[in-house]
Structures are given as C-alpha cells and as structure tokens.
Amino acid sequence: MPVSRYQITLSSPDETAALAERLAAVLAAGDVILLSGGIGAGKTHFARALIQSLQDIPEDVPSPTFTLVQVYDTRAGELWHSDLYRLSHPDEVVELGLLEAFETAICLVEWPDRLGDLTPPGALHLGFALTETKGIRILELTGDAAQWESRLEGIVDV
C-alpha cells in the first residue's frame, strides 16, 4: 500500500485550528483520524477545532479523557471523539463500540497506540511533536495514498 507523508510546521494554536477546519471539510463517515503525540502536543486542541467547525452552533468540546468517548451530531454526520489513554488492553476498544463507529462515523482517536491490531488500515495518522520553541509544533500526516492524497491536496503543502 503506497503511503503519503507530509510534514507541517504549526506556529500557533490558530494555525492548528485552521488546519483542523480545512481537514474537517473533506471528512465523511468511515474516516478515522489517529492523533498521536505527548501530553500538551496539541491533539485535543486540534480535535476541538475540527469538531466545532462541523457544528451548526459550536458547543463546548471537552476532552474525553475521563468519559473515553464523546459523540457529536455534525453537518458531516455522527462524529466520535475518543481518548484511549486510560485503556489497558485493545479489547476495551471493542466494549466502547469504536469498531462499529469506525465504519459508520467520523472518528478522532487520541492515544491510538492503545488500538493495537484494531487500528483501521485506512486511517490518517497525525503525529504532533513539540519543538524547543514555545508554541511551535511539527505535525506529520501519514495515510494510505489512494485514500488520502487527493483529499489532502490544498490542505497541506503538497
């Protein structure tokens, strides 16, 4: 499977939010976005901006760290935002109903390493990394070229 890989420097929270809004515009049911990176790297900020951009009336978007999953009705359909940090085994993903959601909803998954072998093969991986310069992050996007390359055109500098 050919893979597309892009790297973007995000210089501010506003740039992160703007990228999330551009990506949101091309998402549809069955799309899975995997958000990786350390605590404070920008995963939840990105997810919040993406979700709010798809809502007719933007509402508060809390981190699902303790609830594990938050479900939203959006213009693009149902959207699941999950934070798997507290999971100890991939079997817990099944109990949450995420496998079904991967097929029927847009899914944003923080701490996707907890998915193990359950990681959807067509998912778009977003890896956030802090830099030594305060406020600047490096984002690496990786995904199946056939599924993501044309959709990311105009969203990232290709």
Protein backbone atom coordinates (compact mmCIF):
# COMPACT_ATOMS: atom_id res chain seq x y z
CA MET A 1 0.00 0.00 0.00
CA PRO A 2 1.62 3.30 -1.09
CA VAL A 3 1.73 5.83 1.73
CA SER A 4 1.52 9.61 1.60
CA ARG A 5 3.53 11.50 4.20
CA TYR A 6 3.50 15.24 4.84
CA GLN A 7 5.18 17.39 7.47
CA ILE A 8 3.82 20.77 8.54
CA THR A 9 5.11 23.35 11.00
CA LEU A 10 2.32 24.84 13.08
CA SER A 11 3.41 28.19 14.52
CA SER A 12 0.38 28.93 16.70
CA PRO A 13 -2.84 27.50 18.11
CA ASP A 14 -4.68 29.48 15.42
CA GLU A 15 -2.71 27.71 12.65
CA THR A 16 -3.53 24.37 14.28
CA ALA A 17 -7.24 25.26 14.39
CA ALA A 18 -7.21 26.46 10.76
CA LEU A 19 -5.66 23.18 9.61
CA ALA A 20 -8.27 21.23 11.59
CA GLU A 21 -11.06 23.20 9.89
CA ARG A 22 -9.62 22.52 6.42
CA LEU A 23 -9.35 18.80 7.17
CA ALA A 24 -12.88 18.70 8.59
CA ALA A 25 -14.24 19.94 5.26
CA VAL A 26 -13.12 16.73 3.48
CA LEU A 27 -14.15 14.16 6.10
CA ALA A 28 -17.03 11.71 5.77
CA ALA A 29 -18.48 8.72 7.61
CA GLY A 30 -15.91 5.94 7.87
CA ASP A 31 -12.91 8.29 8.14
CA VAL A 32 -10.65 7.62 11.10
CA ILE A 33 -8.13 10.22 12.24
CA LEU A 34 -5.49 8.99 14.71
CA LEU A 35 -3.98 11.75 16.86
CA SER A 36 -0.60 10.92 18.44
CA GLY A 37 1.82 12.96 20.50
CA GLY A 38 2.73 13.67 24.06
CA ILE A 39 0.60 15.46 26.61
CA GLY A 40 0.25 19.10 25.57
CA ALA A 41 1.28 18.47 21.97
CA GLY A 42 -2.00 19.81 20.54
CA LYS A 43 -4.14 16.73 19.94
CA THR A 44 -7.20 17.89 21.87
CA HIS A 45 -6.93 21.47 20.57
CA PHE A 46 -6.90 20.11 17.02
CA ALA A 47 -9.85 17.79 17.70
CA ARG A 48 -11.86 20.57 19.38
CA ALA A 49 -11.37 22.93 16.41
CA LEU A 50 -12.26 20.19 13.92
CA ILE A 51 -15.45 19.24 15.78
CA GLN A 52 -16.59 22.82 16.31
CA SER A 53 -16.06 23.64 12.63
CA LEU A 54 -18.58 20.90 11.74
CA GLN A 55 -21.25 22.06 14.19
CA ASP A 56 -24.01 24.46 13.15
CA ILE A 57 -23.77 26.07 16.58
CA PRO A 58 -20.32 25.38 18.05
CA GLU A 59 -20.63 23.94 21.53
CA ASP A 60 -18.16 23.21 24.27
CA VAL A 61 -15.98 20.24 23.32
CA PRO A 62 -14.47 18.72 26.46
CA SER A 63 -11.56 16.33 26.38
CA PRO A 64 -12.85 12.75 26.56
CA THR A 65 -10.00 11.74 28.90
CA PHE A 66 -12.40 10.56 31.61
CA THR A 67 -15.51 9.73 29.58
CA LEU A 68 -13.35 7.90 26.98
CA VAL A 69 -15.79 8.79 24.16
CA GLN A 70 -17.82 11.88 23.27
CA VAL A 71 -20.29 11.63 20.37
CA TYR A 72 -21.40 14.66 18.35
CA ASP A 73 -24.01 15.18 15.65
CA THR A 74 -22.42 17.32 12.93
CA ARG A 75 -23.18 18.52 9.41
CA ALA A 76 -20.93 15.70 8.17
CA GLY A 77 -22.74 13.07 10.25
CA GLU A 78 -22.00 11.44 13.56
CA LEU A 79 -18.53 12.13 14.95
CA TRP A 80 -16.87 10.15 17.74
CA HIS A 81 -14.01 11.73 19.70
CA SER A 82 -12.20 9.21 21.88
CA ASP A 83 -9.24 9.35 24.21
CA LEU A 84 -7.79 5.90 24.81
CA TYR A 85 -5.06 6.99 27.25
CA ARG A 86 -6.65 5.16 30.19
CA LEU A 87 -7.23 1.87 28.35
CA SER A 88 -5.01 -1.04 29.26
CA HIS A 89 -5.94 -3.52 26.51
CA PRO A 90 -7.26 -3.30 22.92
CA ASP A 91 -10.28 -5.45 23.91
CA GLU A 92 -11.62 -2.40 25.77
CA VAL A 93 -11.93 -0.64 22.41
CA VAL A 94 -14.49 -3.24 21.35
CA GLU A 95 -16.50 -2.60 24.55
CA LEU A 96 -16.65 1.12 23.74
CA GLY A 97 -18.25 0.39 20.35
CA LEU A 98 -15.42 2.01 18.42
CA LEU A 99 -15.10 -0.76 15.84
CA GLU A 100 -18.65 -0.12 14.65
CA ALA A 101 -18.08 3.64 14.75
CA PHE A 102 -15.01 3.22 12.51
CA GLU A 103 -17.42 2.04 9.81
CA THR A 104 -20.31 4.47 10.32
CA ALA A 105 -18.96 7.72 11.78
CA ILE A 106 -16.05 10.12 11.57
CA CYS A 107 -13.72 9.07 14.38
CA LEU A 108 -10.99 11.09 16.07
CA VAL A 109 -8.84 8.88 18.27
CA GLU A 110 -6.31 10.24 20.76
CA TRP A 111 -3.65 7.78 22.01
CA PRO A 112 -4.25 5.38 19.09
CA ASP A 113 -1.35 3.15 20.14
CA ARG A 114 -3.91 1.56 22.51
CA LEU A 115 -5.77 0.17 19.46
CA GLY A 116 -3.06 -2.39 18.74
CA ASP A 117 -4.13 -4.68 15.88
CA LEU A 118 -7.54 -2.97 15.78
CA THR A 119 -6.10 0.10 14.05
CA PRO A 120 -8.09 0.68 10.84
CA PRO A 121 -5.77 0.28 7.82
CA GLY A 122 -7.13 3.35 6.02
CA ALA A 123 -6.78 5.72 8.97
CA LEU A 124 -4.99 9.04 8.65
CA HIS A 125 -2.25 9.32 11.27
CA LEU A 126 -1.48 12.77 12.68
CA GLY A 127 1.64 12.88 14.82
CA PHE A 128 2.08 16.07 16.87
CA ALA A 129 5.50 16.93 18.28
CA LEU A 130 6.54 19.85 20.45
CA THR A 131 9.65 21.77 19.47
CA GLU A 132 12.15 23.65 21.60
CA THR A 133 10.45 26.89 20.55
CA LYS A 134 7.39 27.62 22.68
CA GLY A 135 4.13 27.38 20.73
CA ILE A 136 5.61 25.73 17.64
CA ARG A 137 4.69 22.17 16.78
CA ILE A 138 5.61 19.81 13.98
CA LEU A 139 2.75 17.77 12.56
CA GLU A 140 3.37 14.68 10.46
CA LEU A 141 0.41 13.34 8.46
CA THR A 142 0.64 9.77 7.18
CA GLY A 143 -2.02 7.79 5.34
CA ASP A 144 -2.88 5.46 2.52
CA ALA A 145 -2.08 7.41 -0.66
CA ALA A 146 -5.12 6.09 -2.55
CA GLN A 147 -7.47 7.26 0.19
CA TRP A 148 -5.85 10.49 1.37
CA GLU A 149 -3.51 12.06 -1.21
CA SER A 150 -6.14 13.79 -3.36
CA ARG A 151 -8.22 14.75 -0.31
CA LEU A 152 -5.26 16.42 1.38
CA GLU A 153 -4.42 18.45 -1.71
CA GLY A 154 -4.91 22.09 -0.80
CA ILE A 155 -4.98 21.25 2.91
CA VAL A 156 -1.28 20.60 3.23
CA ASP A 157 1.54 21.90 1.08
CA VAL A 158 2.00 19.00 -1.34
